[in-house]
Each structure stands twice: as C-alpha cells, then as structure tokens.
Amino acid sequence: MPRDVDRPRRLHRTDWMALLSGTLFVVLGILIMTRSITDPLVLLPVLVTGLGFAGLVAILARVIRGK
C-alpha cells in the first residue's frame, strides 16, 4: 500500500495528564499488590498529590505549547 510522500507526517501532542495519571495508577497498583502500602490513609494523599502533580504538568505543558 503506497503512502502519499508529498504530505508531511503529522505528529500528535503528548497528553501529559493521561500519561502521568496512568503511570501513577500502575505504580500504586504495584505497591498495593506487593503490600508496600497497606494503610488507606497513606494511599489517599499519595493519590491526590500524584493527580495534582499530573494536572500541574498538563497545565504547564499547555501554557508552554501556546494553546
């Protein structure tokens, strides 16, 4: 199947909120499965802080990008 070589390749922008939130949930899942975190009172602030950090990075990336 031939590609159209005259048209430049379009790249999509990284969705930082989704990327960092997904990474946070994977890491928290691993920590829960390995019993490194057993106290829910520790888990909740870590989750909220991690999501806040992901939101901050997403906002900064959008401001730097200019959109």
C-alpha atoms as a PDB file:
ATOM      1  CA  MET A   1       0.000   0.000   0.000  1.00  0.00           C
ATOM      2  CA  PRO A   2       1.828   3.170  -1.148  1.00  0.00           C
ATOM      3  CA  ARG A   3       1.934   6.208   1.093  1.00  0.00           C
ATOM      4  CA  ASP A   4       1.486   9.759  -0.026  1.00  0.00           C
ATOM      5  CA  VAL A   5       5.039  11.155   0.248  1.00  0.00           C
ATOM      6  CA  ASP A   6       4.130  14.738  -0.653  1.00  0.00           C
ATOM      7  CA  ARG A   7       2.184  15.265   2.553  1.00  0.00           C
ATOM      8  CA  PRO A   8       4.240  15.906   5.730  1.00  0.00           C
ATOM      9  CA  ARG A   9       3.806  13.487   8.579  1.00  0.00           C
ATOM     10  CA  ARG A  10       1.613  14.797  11.390  1.00  0.00           C
ATOM     11  CA  LEU A  11       2.563  14.015  14.967  1.00  0.00           C
ATOM     12  CA  HIS A  12       0.098  14.141  17.824  1.00  0.00           C
ATOM     13  CA  ARG A  13       0.844  16.002  21.024  1.00  0.00           C
ATOM     14  CA  THR A  14       1.530  14.132  24.241  1.00  0.00           C
ATOM     15  CA  ASP A  15      -1.378  14.084  26.681  1.00  0.00           C
ATOM     16  CA  TRP A  16       0.607  14.594  29.872  1.00  0.00           C
ATOM     17  CA  MET A  17      -2.384  14.271  32.203  1.00  0.00           C
ATOM     18  CA  ALA A  18      -3.294  10.848  30.825  1.00  0.00           C
ATOM     19  CA  LEU A  19       0.313   9.656  30.711  1.00  0.00           C
ATOM     20  CA  LEU A  20       1.164  10.662  34.273  1.00  0.00           C
ATOM     21  CA  SER A  21      -2.185   9.521  35.701  1.00  0.00           C
ATOM     22  CA  GLY A  22      -1.788   6.117  34.080  1.00  0.00           C
ATOM     23  CA  THR A  23       1.736   5.812  35.403  1.00  0.00           C
ATOM     24  CA  LEU A  24       0.529   6.794  38.878  1.00  0.00           C
ATOM     25  CA  PHE A  25      -2.194   4.138  38.887  1.00  0.00           C
ATOM     26  CA  VAL A  26       0.193   1.450  37.640  1.00  0.00           C
ATOM     27  CA  VAL A  27       2.756   2.305  40.345  1.00  0.00           C
ATOM     28  CA  LEU A  28       0.095   2.431  43.057  1.00  0.00           C
ATOM     29  CA  GLY A  29      -1.280  -0.898  41.856  1.00  0.00           C
ATOM     30  CA  ILE A  30       2.169  -2.458  42.068  1.00  0.00           C
ATOM     31  CA  LEU A  31       2.695  -1.013  45.555  1.00  0.00           C
ATOM     32  CA  ILE A  32      -0.648  -2.386  46.724  1.00  0.00           C
ATOM     33  CA  MET A  33      -0.056  -5.825  45.201  1.00  0.00           C
ATOM     34  CA  THR A  34       3.390  -6.096  46.798  1.00  0.00           C
ATOM     35  CA  ARG A  35       1.967  -4.916  50.134  1.00  0.00           C
ATOM     36  CA  SER A  36       4.332  -1.939  50.314  1.00  0.00           C
ATOM     37  CA  ILE A  37       1.335   0.297  51.055  1.00  0.00           C
ATOM     38  CA  THR A  38      -1.238  -1.264  53.354  1.00  0.00           C
ATOM     39  CA  ASP A  39      -2.732   1.801  55.019  1.00  0.00           C
ATOM     40  CA  PRO A  40      -5.538   3.533  53.045  1.00  0.00           C
ATOM     41  CA  LEU A  41      -4.801   6.749  54.933  1.00  0.00           C
ATOM     42  CA  VAL A  42      -1.410   6.816  53.217  1.00  0.00           C
ATOM     43  CA  LEU A  43      -2.785   5.811  49.837  1.00  0.00           C
ATOM     44  CA  LEU A  44      -5.342   8.613  49.537  1.00  0.00           C
ATOM     45  CA  PRO A  45      -2.932  11.570  49.984  1.00  0.00           C
ATOM     46  CA  VAL A  46      -0.422   9.935  47.630  1.00  0.00           C
ATOM     47  CA  LEU A  47      -3.160   9.545  45.015  1.00  0.00           C
ATOM     48  CA  VAL A  48      -4.432  13.115  45.383  1.00  0.00           C
ATOM     49  CA  THR A  49      -0.915  14.554  45.327  1.00  0.00           C
ATOM     50  CA  GLY A  50       0.007  12.500  42.275  1.00  0.00           C
ATOM     51  CA  LEU A  51      -3.098  13.584  40.370  1.00  0.00           C
ATOM     52  CA  GLY A  52      -2.458  17.191  41.366  1.00  0.00           C
ATOM     53  CA  PHE A  53       1.092  16.943  40.062  1.00  0.00           C
ATOM     54  CA  ALA A  54      -0.151  15.402  36.804  1.00  0.00           C
ATOM     55  CA  GLY A  55      -2.651  18.248  36.418  1.00  0.00           C
ATOM     56  CA  LEU A  56       0.030  20.857  37.080  1.00  0.00           C
ATOM     57  CA  VAL A  57       2.351  19.333  34.479  1.00  0.00           C
ATOM     58  CA  ALA A  58      -0.518  19.187  31.964  1.00  0.00           C
ATOM     59  CA  ILE A  59      -1.343  22.865  32.550  1.00  0.00           C
ATOM     60  CA  LEU A  60       2.310  23.903  32.248  1.00  0.00           C
ATOM     61  CA  ALA A  61       2.714  21.886  29.048  1.00  0.00           C
ATOM     62  CA  ARG A  62      -0.348  23.569  27.534  1.00  0.00           C
ATOM     63  CA  VAL A  63       0.920  27.050  28.505  1.00  0.00           C
ATOM     64  CA  ILE A  64       4.368  26.363  27.067  1.00  0.00           C
ATOM     65  CA  ARG A  65       2.823  24.900  23.910  1.00  0.00           C
ATOM     66  CA  GLY A  66       0.772  28.038  23.438  1.00  0.00           C
ATOM     67  CA  LYS A  67      -2.697  26.556  23.164  1.00  0.00           C
END
